[in-house]
Amino acid sequence: MVLVVLVVGFVVVLAGVAAAIVFARSSLNPSQPGSAPRLIGVNLATSGDGTNWILTFVSVPTGLSPFSTMLTILNISGATSLPATPLAYLNASGGAAYVQGQPGGSVAVGDRLLLSTTRYPTGDRYRISDATTVFASGTLH
């Protein structure tokens, strides 16, 4: 009788541990069915004259504002070349400009970032993010 109680107790404990593991894994996995990953697809090219990197957005999650979506650039050593700056506040005089396909709207497919190849040379890294999520990152090359 005591053995049966111990076996039943052990099975209940194992079931609880298994349920906790399944819950933890599902809450850590951002790609659950029904939730799209929040990524910006970027196509990297250089301008014809070689003076700018052109980062064209080829996929964008809905609802991103250019006032809360930011660009950060780190140099090849990892030091900050451009601190996190909202896309809406980038300008060519600072070596980075944001060009919207639909001015005044949300961040969208077809929008572009123009980065000076002089100020941000090959090997520098870019990151596009908001306060909590990195949407895209890569190396200028």
Protein backbone atom coordinates (compact mmCIF):
# COMPACT_ATOMS: atom_id res chain seq x y z
CA MET A 1 0.00 0.00 0.00
CA VAL A 2 2.82 2.44 0.90
CA LEU A 3 4.59 1.52 -2.32
CA VAL A 4 1.48 2.37 -4.39
CA VAL A 5 1.21 5.78 -2.66
CA LEU A 6 4.90 6.49 -3.35
CA VAL A 7 4.58 5.51 -7.01
CA VAL A 8 1.46 7.68 -7.46
CA GLY A 9 3.20 10.59 -5.72
CA PHE A 10 6.27 10.20 -7.92
CA VAL A 11 4.11 10.19 -11.09
CA VAL A 12 2.30 13.37 -9.95
CA VAL A 13 5.63 15.12 -9.31
CA LEU A 14 6.96 14.08 -12.74
CA ALA A 15 3.79 15.33 -14.43
CA GLY A 16 4.19 18.69 -12.66
CA VAL A 17 7.82 19.00 -13.73
CA ALA A 18 6.93 18.12 -17.33
CA ALA A 19 4.14 20.72 -17.37
CA ALA A 20 6.53 23.37 -16.01
CA ILE A 21 9.11 22.58 -18.69
CA VAL A 22 6.52 22.78 -21.49
CA PHE A 23 5.23 26.11 -20.12
CA ALA A 24 8.74 27.58 -19.85
CA ARG A 25 9.71 26.51 -23.37
CA SER A 26 6.51 27.89 -24.91
CA SER A 27 6.84 31.25 -23.15
CA LEU A 28 10.48 31.63 -24.27
CA ASN A 29 9.78 30.76 -27.91
CA PRO A 30 8.75 33.96 -29.75
CA SER A 31 7.78 32.02 -32.88
CA GLN A 32 4.67 30.39 -31.49
CA PRO A 33 1.91 29.76 -34.02
CA GLY A 34 -0.12 32.91 -34.49
CA SER A 35 2.71 35.34 -33.68
CA ALA A 36 4.88 36.58 -36.51
CA PRO A 37 8.56 37.25 -35.83
CA ARG A 38 9.28 40.96 -35.55
CA LEU A 39 12.13 41.34 -38.01
CA ILE A 40 13.06 43.85 -40.69
CA GLY A 41 14.52 42.26 -43.80
CA VAL A 42 17.36 44.38 -45.18
CA ASN A 43 19.00 44.34 -48.60
CA LEU A 44 22.49 45.89 -48.42
CA ALA A 45 24.07 47.53 -51.48
CA THR A 46 26.37 50.42 -52.31
CA SER A 47 25.46 53.45 -54.37
CA GLY A 48 26.76 53.63 -57.94
CA ASP A 49 29.40 56.18 -56.98
CA GLY A 50 30.41 54.20 -53.87
CA THR A 51 29.71 57.04 -51.43
CA ASN A 52 26.81 55.41 -49.59
CA TRP A 53 25.67 52.10 -48.23
CA ILE A 54 22.02 51.60 -49.15
CA LEU A 55 19.97 49.50 -46.73
CA THR A 56 16.58 48.85 -48.33
CA PHE A 57 13.82 47.39 -46.15
CA VAL A 58 12.38 44.34 -47.93
CA SER A 59 10.10 43.16 -45.11
CA VAL A 60 8.81 45.10 -42.11
CA PRO A 61 6.50 44.20 -39.22
CA THR A 62 3.41 46.36 -39.01
CA GLY A 63 3.10 49.33 -36.72
CA LEU A 64 6.72 50.49 -36.46
CA SER A 65 7.11 54.23 -36.01
CA PRO A 66 10.18 56.05 -37.36
CA PHE A 67 10.16 57.98 -34.06
CA SER A 68 10.67 54.84 -31.93
CA THR A 69 12.61 52.65 -34.38
CA MET A 70 16.32 53.42 -34.03
CA LEU A 71 19.59 52.93 -35.86
CA THR A 72 22.83 52.22 -33.98
CA ILE A 73 26.22 51.81 -35.65
CA LEU A 74 29.26 50.25 -33.99
CA ASN A 75 32.71 50.50 -35.51
CA ILE A 76 34.88 47.47 -36.24
CA SER A 77 36.31 47.66 -32.68
CA GLY A 78 32.83 47.64 -31.14
CA ALA A 79 32.82 51.31 -30.10
CA THR A 80 29.68 53.32 -30.84
CA SER A 81 29.95 55.40 -34.02
CA LEU A 82 26.26 56.36 -34.02
CA PRO A 83 24.32 56.03 -30.77
CA ALA A 84 20.74 54.72 -30.99
CA THR A 85 18.95 57.42 -32.98
CA PRO A 86 15.31 57.37 -34.11
CA LEU A 87 15.10 56.95 -37.87
CA ALA A 88 13.04 60.14 -38.12
CA TYR A 89 15.96 62.18 -36.73
CA LEU A 90 18.66 60.87 -39.06
CA ASN A 91 19.98 63.35 -41.64
CA ALA A 92 22.62 63.30 -44.35
CA SER A 93 24.83 65.83 -42.52
CA GLY A 94 25.30 63.20 -39.80
CA GLY A 95 26.32 60.57 -42.32
CA ALA A 96 23.06 58.60 -42.06
CA ALA A 97 19.73 59.47 -43.67
CA TYR A 98 16.34 57.74 -43.58
CA VAL A 99 14.33 57.95 -46.80
CA GLN A 100 10.67 56.94 -46.61
CA GLY A 101 8.72 55.68 -49.59
CA GLN A 102 5.61 57.24 -48.02
CA PRO A 103 6.82 60.32 -46.09
CA GLY A 104 5.15 60.76 -42.72
CA GLY A 105 3.96 57.16 -42.46
CA SER A 106 5.08 54.08 -40.56
CA VAL A 107 8.32 52.27 -41.33
CA ALA A 108 7.54 50.32 -44.50
CA VAL A 109 8.87 48.03 -47.22
CA GLY A 110 10.88 50.13 -49.67
CA ASP A 111 12.15 52.59 -47.05
CA ARG A 112 15.92 53.08 -47.19
CA LEU A 113 18.81 54.03 -44.97
CA LEU A 114 21.69 55.84 -46.70
CA LEU A 115 24.94 55.58 -44.75
CA SER A 116 28.14 57.36 -45.70
CA THR A 117 30.85 54.85 -46.66
CA THR A 118 33.43 57.39 -45.46
CA ARG A 119 31.94 57.82 -42.00
CA TYR A 120 30.87 54.16 -41.67
CA PRO A 121 33.49 52.04 -43.49
CA THR A 122 33.49 48.34 -44.31
CA GLY A 123 33.35 46.25 -41.14
CA ASP A 124 31.14 48.63 -39.14
CA ARG A 125 27.98 47.00 -37.79
CA TYR A 126 24.44 48.34 -37.89
CA ARG A 127 21.51 47.53 -35.60
CA ILE A 128 17.87 48.56 -36.16
CA SER A 129 15.80 48.28 -32.99
CA ASP A 130 13.34 49.84 -30.62
CA ALA A 131 13.59 49.95 -26.84
CA THR A 132 13.09 46.17 -26.49
CA THR A 133 13.56 44.39 -29.84
CA VAL A 134 16.38 44.13 -32.38
CA PHE A 135 14.67 44.05 -35.78
CA ALA A 136 17.81 43.76 -37.94
CA SER A 137 21.56 43.75 -37.60
CA GLY A 138 24.48 43.16 -39.87
CA THR A 139 27.93 44.19 -41.05
CA LEU A 140 28.60 46.78 -43.73
CA HIS A 141 30.51 45.08 -46.56
